[in-house]
Amino acid sequence: MSVEEMVQGMIDALNDALGDAGKHDRGNNAAGTRVRKAMQAAKNTAQDVRKQVQSDKNSR
């Protein structure tokens, strides 16, 4: 998977989480759980992107 695809996937996932963030702000605790899960996935994806970019840099 390319770095661009990884970043785009992260953007799409965060856009999906935006709806749950609004629900959480209105008091829906279950939506807050989904937001936390999305944030953890974004963190992991961001780390994967960093590793891939570093690997690409070192191999050139």
PDB file of N, CA and C in Angstrom:
ATOM      1  N   MET A   1       0.846  -1.168   0.000  1.00  0.00           N
ATOM      2  CA  MET A   1       0.000   0.000   0.000  1.00  0.00           C
ATOM      3  C   MET A   1       0.897   1.240   0.000  1.00  0.00           C
ATOM      4  N   SER A   2       0.553   2.192  -0.826  1.00  0.00           N
ATOM      5  CA  SER A   2       1.359   3.406  -0.919  1.00  0.00           C
ATOM      6  C   SER A   2       1.077   4.322   0.271  1.00  0.00           C
ATOM      7  N   VAL A   3       1.999   5.224   0.503  1.00  0.00           N
ATOM      8  CA  VAL A   3       1.835   6.194   1.588  1.00  0.00           C
ATOM      9  C   VAL A   3       0.589   7.044   1.329  1.00  0.00           C
ATOM     10  N   GLU A   4       0.394   7.422   0.081  1.00  0.00           N
ATOM     11  CA  GLU A   4      -0.781   8.233  -0.258  1.00  0.00           C
ATOM     12  C   GLU A   4      -2.079   7.502   0.084  1.00  0.00           C
ATOM     13  N   GLU A   5      -2.136   6.220  -0.239  1.00  0.00           N
ATOM     14  CA  GLU A   5      -3.328   5.429   0.076  1.00  0.00           C
ATOM     15  C   GLU A   5      -3.529   5.303   1.583  1.00  0.00           C
ATOM     16  N   MET A   6      -2.434   5.151   2.321  1.00  0.00           N
ATOM     17  CA  MET A   6      -2.529   5.049   3.775  1.00  0.00           C
ATOM     18  C   MET A   6      -3.074   6.343   4.373  1.00  0.00           C
ATOM     19  N   VAL A   7      -2.567   7.471   3.909  1.00  0.00           N
ATOM     20  CA  VAL A   7      -3.024   8.762   4.423  1.00  0.00           C
ATOM     21  C   VAL A   7      -4.484   8.994   4.040  1.00  0.00           C
ATOM     22  N   GLN A   8      -4.847   8.662   2.807  1.00  0.00           N
ATOM     23  CA  GLN A   8      -6.230   8.845   2.372  1.00  0.00           C
ATOM     24  C   GLN A   8      -7.170   7.971   3.195  1.00  0.00           C
ATOM     25  N   GLY A   9      -6.757   6.749   3.495  1.00  0.00           N
ATOM     26  CA  GLY A   9      -7.569   5.875   4.337  1.00  0.00           C
ATOM     27  C   GLY A   9      -7.767   6.460   5.726  1.00  0.00           C
ATOM     28  N   MET A  10      -6.712   7.064   6.262  1.00  0.00           N
ATOM     29  CA  MET A  10      -6.811   7.692   7.573  1.00  0.00           C
ATOM     30  C   MET A  10      -7.762   8.885   7.524  1.00  0.00           C
ATOM     31  N   ILE A  11      -7.681   9.675   6.475  1.00  0.00           N
ATOM     32  CA  ILE A  11      -8.578  10.826   6.316  1.00  0.00           C
ATOM     33  C   ILE A  11     -10.025  10.356   6.231  1.00  0.00           C
ATOM     34  N   ASP A  12     -10.269   9.311   5.448  1.00  0.00           N
ATOM     35  CA  ASP A  12     -11.629   8.783   5.303  1.00  0.00           C
ATOM     36  C   ASP A  12     -12.168   8.285   6.644  1.00  0.00           C
ATOM     37  N   ALA A  13     -11.337   7.577   7.400  1.00  0.00           N
ATOM     38  CA  ALA A  13     -11.760   7.058   8.698  1.00  0.00           C
ATOM     39  C   ALA A  13     -12.061   8.202   9.670  1.00  0.00           C
ATOM     40  N   LEU A  14     -11.248   9.250   9.640  1.00  0.00           N
ATOM     41  CA  LEU A  14     -11.492  10.386  10.524  1.00  0.00           C
ATOM     42  C   LEU A  14     -12.758  11.139  10.128  1.00  0.00           C
ATOM     43  N   ASN A  15     -13.013  11.258   8.829  1.00  0.00           N
ATOM     44  CA  ASN A  15     -14.254  11.888   8.381  1.00  0.00           C
ATOM     45  C   ASN A  15     -15.460  11.088   8.843  1.00  0.00           C
ATOM     46  N   ASP A  16     -15.351   9.759   8.817  1.00  0.00           N
ATOM     47  CA  ASP A  16     -16.437   8.914   9.306  1.00  0.00           C
ATOM     48  C   ASP A  16     -16.644   9.112  10.808  1.00  0.00           C
ATOM     49  N   ALA A  17     -15.564   9.298  11.548  1.00  0.00           N
ATOM     50  CA  ALA A  17     -15.645   9.476  12.995  1.00  0.00           C
ATOM     51  C   ALA A  17     -16.225  10.834  13.368  1.00  0.00           C
ATOM     52  N   LEU A  18     -16.222  11.778  12.444  1.00  0.00           N
ATOM     53  CA  LEU A  18     -16.720  13.117  12.733  1.00  0.00           C
ATOM     54  C   LEU A  18     -18.190  13.092  13.154  1.00  0.00           C
ATOM     55  N   GLY A  19     -18.972  12.258  12.522  1.00  0.00           N
ATOM     56  CA  GLY A  19     -20.388  12.135  12.901  1.00  0.00           C
ATOM     57  C   GLY A  19     -20.545  11.638  14.323  1.00  0.00           C
ATOM     58  N   ASP A  20     -19.742  10.649  14.698  1.00  0.00           N
ATOM     59  CA  ASP A  20     -19.798  10.139  16.063  1.00  0.00           C
ATOM     60  C   ASP A  20     -19.301  11.178  17.063  1.00  0.00           C
ATOM     61  N   ALA A  21     -18.354  12.011  16.660  1.00  0.00           N
ATOM     62  CA  ALA A  21     -17.868  13.064  17.551  1.00  0.00           C
ATOM     63  C   ALA A  21     -19.005  14.032  17.893  1.00  0.00           C
ATOM     64  N   GLY A  22     -19.804  14.375  16.911  1.00  0.00           N
ATOM     65  CA  GLY A  22     -20.958  15.242  17.155  1.00  0.00           C
ATOM     66  C   GLY A  22     -21.969  14.586  18.078  1.00  0.00           C
ATOM     67  N   LYS A  23     -22.201  13.289  17.866  1.00  0.00           N
ATOM     68  CA  LYS A  23     -23.130  12.559  18.735  1.00  0.00           C
ATOM     69  C   LYS A  23     -22.609  12.531  20.168  1.00  0.00           C
ATOM     70  N   HIS A  24     -21.300  12.340  20.304  1.00  0.00           N
ATOM     71  CA  HIS A  24     -20.708  12.326  21.635  1.00  0.00           C
ATOM     72  C   HIS A  24     -20.889  13.681  22.321  1.00  0.00           C
ATOM     73  N   ASP A  25     -20.692  14.752  21.568  1.00  0.00           N
ATOM     74  CA  ASP A  25     -20.864  16.092  22.128  1.00  0.00           C
ATOM     75  C   ASP A  25     -22.288  16.334  22.615  1.00  0.00           C
ATOM     76  N   ARG A  26     -23.235  15.627  22.020  1.00  0.00           N
ATOM     77  CA  ARG A  26     -24.633  15.756  22.442  1.00  0.00           C
ATOM     78  C   ARG A  26     -24.997  14.762  23.539  1.00  0.00           C
ATOM     79  N   GLY A  27     -24.000  14.015  24.050  1.00  0.00           N
ATOM     80  CA  GLY A  27     -24.242  13.164  25.213  1.00  0.00           C
ATOM     81  C   GLY A  27     -24.299  11.672  24.955  1.00  0.00           C
ATOM     82  N   ASN A  28     -24.016  11.228  23.750  1.00  0.00           N
ATOM     83  CA  ASN A  28     -24.073   9.802  23.437  1.00  0.00           C
ATOM     84  C   ASN A  28     -22.726   9.160  23.775  1.00  0.00           C
ATOM     85  N   ASN A  29     -22.691   8.430  24.890  1.00  0.00           N
ATOM     86  CA  ASN A  29     -21.434   7.843  25.348  1.00  0.00           C
ATOM     87  C   ASN A  29     -20.931   6.724  24.432  1.00  0.00           C
ATOM     88  N   ALA A  30     -21.839   5.988  23.812  1.00  0.00           N
ATOM     89  CA  ALA A  30     -21.422   4.924  22.894  1.00  0.00           C
ATOM     90  C   ALA A  30     -20.678   5.515  21.700  1.00  0.00           C
ATOM     91  N   ALA A  31     -21.104   6.680  21.258  1.00  0.00           N
ATOM     92  CA  ALA A  31     -20.419   7.348  20.147  1.00  0.00           C
ATOM     93  C   ALA A  31     -19.014   7.750  20.574  1.00  0.00           C
ATOM     94  N   GLY A  32     -18.854   8.129  21.823  1.00  0.00           N
ATOM     95  CA  GLY A  32     -17.535   8.464  22.337  1.00  0.00           C
ATOM     96  C   GLY A  32     -16.587   7.280  22.274  1.00  0.00           C
ATOM     97  N   THR A  33     -17.108   6.101  22.557  1.00  0.00           N
ATOM     98  CA  THR A  33     -16.297   4.885  22.454  1.00  0.00           C
ATOM     99  C   THR A  33     -15.838   4.673  21.018  1.00  0.00           C
ATOM    100  N   ARG A  34     -16.726   4.894  20.074  1.00  0.00           N
ATOM    101  CA  ARG A  34     -16.363   4.739  18.659  1.00  0.00           C
ATOM    102  C   ARG A  34     -15.328   5.782  18.245  1.00  0.00           C
ATOM    103  N   VAL A  35     -15.436   6.993  18.775  1.00  0.00           N
ATOM    104  CA  VAL A  35     -14.459   8.039  18.468  1.00  0.00           C
ATOM    105  C   VAL A  35     -13.095   7.638  19.010  1.00  0.00           C
ATOM    106  N   ARG A  36     -13.039   7.154  20.238  1.00  0.00           N
ATOM    107  CA  ARG A  36     -11.760   6.721  20.812  1.00  0.00           C
ATOM    108  C   ARG A  36     -11.144   5.604  19.989  1.00  0.00           C
ATOM    109  N   LYS A  37     -11.965   4.673  19.532  1.00  0.00           N
ATOM    110  CA  LYS A  37     -11.470   3.571  18.697  1.00  0.00           C
ATOM    111  C   LYS A  37     -10.899   4.115  17.384  1.00  0.00           C
ATOM    112  N   ALA A  38     -11.588   5.071  16.783  1.00  0.00           N
ATOM    113  CA  ALA A  38     -11.114   5.670  15.529  1.00  0.00           C
ATOM    114  C   ALA A  38      -9.807   6.423  15.750  1.00  0.00           C
ATOM    115  N   MET A  39      -9.683   7.101  16.886  1.00  0.00           N
ATOM    116  CA  MET A  39      -8.458   7.846  17.174  1.00  0.00           C
ATOM    117  C   MET A  39      -7.275   6.891  17.376  1.00  0.00           C
ATOM    118  N   GLN A  40      -7.514   5.750  18.014  1.00  0.00           N
ATOM    119  CA  GLN A  40      -6.448   4.760  18.198  1.00  0.00           C
ATOM    120  C   GLN A  40      -6.017   4.195  16.847  1.00  0.00           C
ATOM    121  N   ALA A  41      -6.981   3.922  15.979  1.00  0.00           N
ATOM    122  CA  ALA A  41      -6.661   3.412  14.645  1.00  0.00           C
ATOM    123  C   ALA A  41      -5.874   4.456  13.851  1.00  0.00           C
ATOM    124  N   ALA A  42      -6.250   5.736  13.979  1.00  0.00           N
ATOM    125  CA  ALA A  42      -5.529   6.811  13.284  1.00  0.00           C
ATOM    126  C   ALA A  42      -4.099   6.902  13.796  1.00  0.00           C
ATOM    127  N   LYS A  43      -3.928   6.765  15.100  1.00  0.00           N
ATOM    128  CA  LYS A  43      -2.584   6.799  15.680  1.00  0.00           C
ATOM    129  C   LYS A  43      -1.733   5.672  15.115  1.00  0.00           C
ATOM    130  N   ASN A  44      -2.307   4.482  15.049  1.00  0.00           N
ATOM    131  CA  ASN A  44      -1.564   3.332  14.522  1.00  0.00           C
ATOM    132  C   ASN A  44      -1.234   3.513  13.047  1.00  0.00           C
ATOM    133  N   THR A  45      -2.172   4.026  12.280  1.00  0.00           N
ATOM    134  CA  THR A  45      -1.935   4.266  10.857  1.00  0.00           C
ATOM    135  C   THR A  45      -0.864   5.329  10.670  1.00  0.00           C
ATOM    136  N   ALA A  46      -0.922   6.387  11.485  1.00  0.00           N
ATOM    137  CA  ALA A  46       0.091   7.442  11.390  1.00  0.00           C
ATOM    138  C   ALA A  46       1.479   6.870  11.667  1.00  0.00           C
ATOM    139  N   GLN A  47       1.580   5.978  12.634  1.00  0.00           N
ATOM    140  CA  GLN A  47       2.870   5.350  12.941  1.00  0.00           C
ATOM    141  C   GLN A  47       3.339   4.493  11.758  1.00  0.00           C
ATOM    142  N   ASP A  48       2.419   3.773  11.136  1.00  0.00           N
ATOM    143  CA  ASP A  48       2.771   2.964   9.963  1.00  0.00           C
ATOM    144  C   ASP A  48       3.256   3.842   8.813  1.00  0.00           C
ATOM    145  N   VAL A  49       2.603   4.996   8.636  1.00  0.00           N
ATOM    146  CA  VAL A  49       3.022   5.927   7.590  1.00  0.00           C
ATOM    147  C   VAL A  49       4.436   6.420   7.879  1.00  0.00           C
ATOM    148  N   ARG A  50       4.700   6.795   9.123  1.00  0.00           N
ATOM    149  CA  ARG A  50       6.038   7.273   9.494  1.00  0.00           C
ATOM    150  C   ARG A  50       7.089   6.202   9.215  1.00  0.00           C
ATOM    151  N   LYS A  51       6.793   4.959   9.564  1.00  0.00           N
ATOM    152  CA  LYS A  51       7.738   3.868   9.348  1.00  0.00           C
ATOM    153  C   LYS A  51       7.998   3.664   7.854  1.00  0.00           C
ATOM    154  N   GLN A  52       6.928   3.722   7.052  1.00  0.00           N
ATOM    155  CA  GLN A  52       7.069   3.520   5.615  1.00  0.00           C
ATOM    156  C   GLN A  52       7.894   4.638   4.984  1.00  0.00           C
ATOM    157  N   VAL A  53       7.635   5.882   5.378  1.00  0.00           N
ATOM    158  CA  VAL A  53       8.371   7.014   4.837  1.00  0.00           C
ATOM    159  C   VAL A  53       9.840   6.907   5.223  1.00  0.00           C
ATOM    160  N   GLN A  54      10.115   6.551   6.469  1.00  0.00           N
ATOM    161  CA  GLN A  54      11.490   6.390   6.916  1.00  0.00           C
ATOM    162  C   GLN A  54      12.176   5.267   6.154  1.00  0.00           C
ATOM    163  N   SER A  55      11.477   4.180   5.950  1.00  0.00           N
ATOM    164  CA  SER A  55      12.029   3.051   5.202  1.00  0.00           C
ATOM    165  C   SER A  55      12.340   3.448   3.758  1.00  0.00           C
ATOM    166  N   ASP A  56      11.404   4.176   3.145  1.00  0.00           N
ATOM    167  CA  ASP A  56      11.612   4.648   1.771  1.00  0.00           C
ATOM    168  C   ASP A  56      12.833   5.573   1.705  1.00  0.00           C
ATOM    169  N   LYS A  57      12.947   6.454   2.679  1.00  0.00           N
ATOM    170  CA  LYS A  57      14.072   7.399   2.708  1.00  0.00           C
ATOM    171  C   LYS A  57      15.408   6.663   2.834  1.00  0.00           C
ATOM    172  N   ASN A  58      15.447   5.672   3.694  1.00  0.00           N
ATOM    173  CA  ASN A  58      16.680   4.931   3.942  1.00  0.00           C
ATOM    174  C   ASN A  58      17.081   4.024   2.777  1.00  0.00           C
ATOM    175  N   SER A  59      16.101   3.626   1.955  1.00  0.00           N
ATOM    176  CA  SER A  59      16.412   2.722   0.863  1.00  0.00           C
ATOM    177  C   SER A  59      16.823   3.457  -0.410  1.00  0.00           C
ATOM    178  N   ARG A  60      16.779   4.765  -0.394  1.00  0.00           N
ATOM    179  CA  ARG A  60      17.121   5.530  -1.601  1.00  0.00           C
ATOM    180  C   ARG A  60      18.527   6.052  -1.546  1.00  0.00           C
TER     181      ARG A  60
END
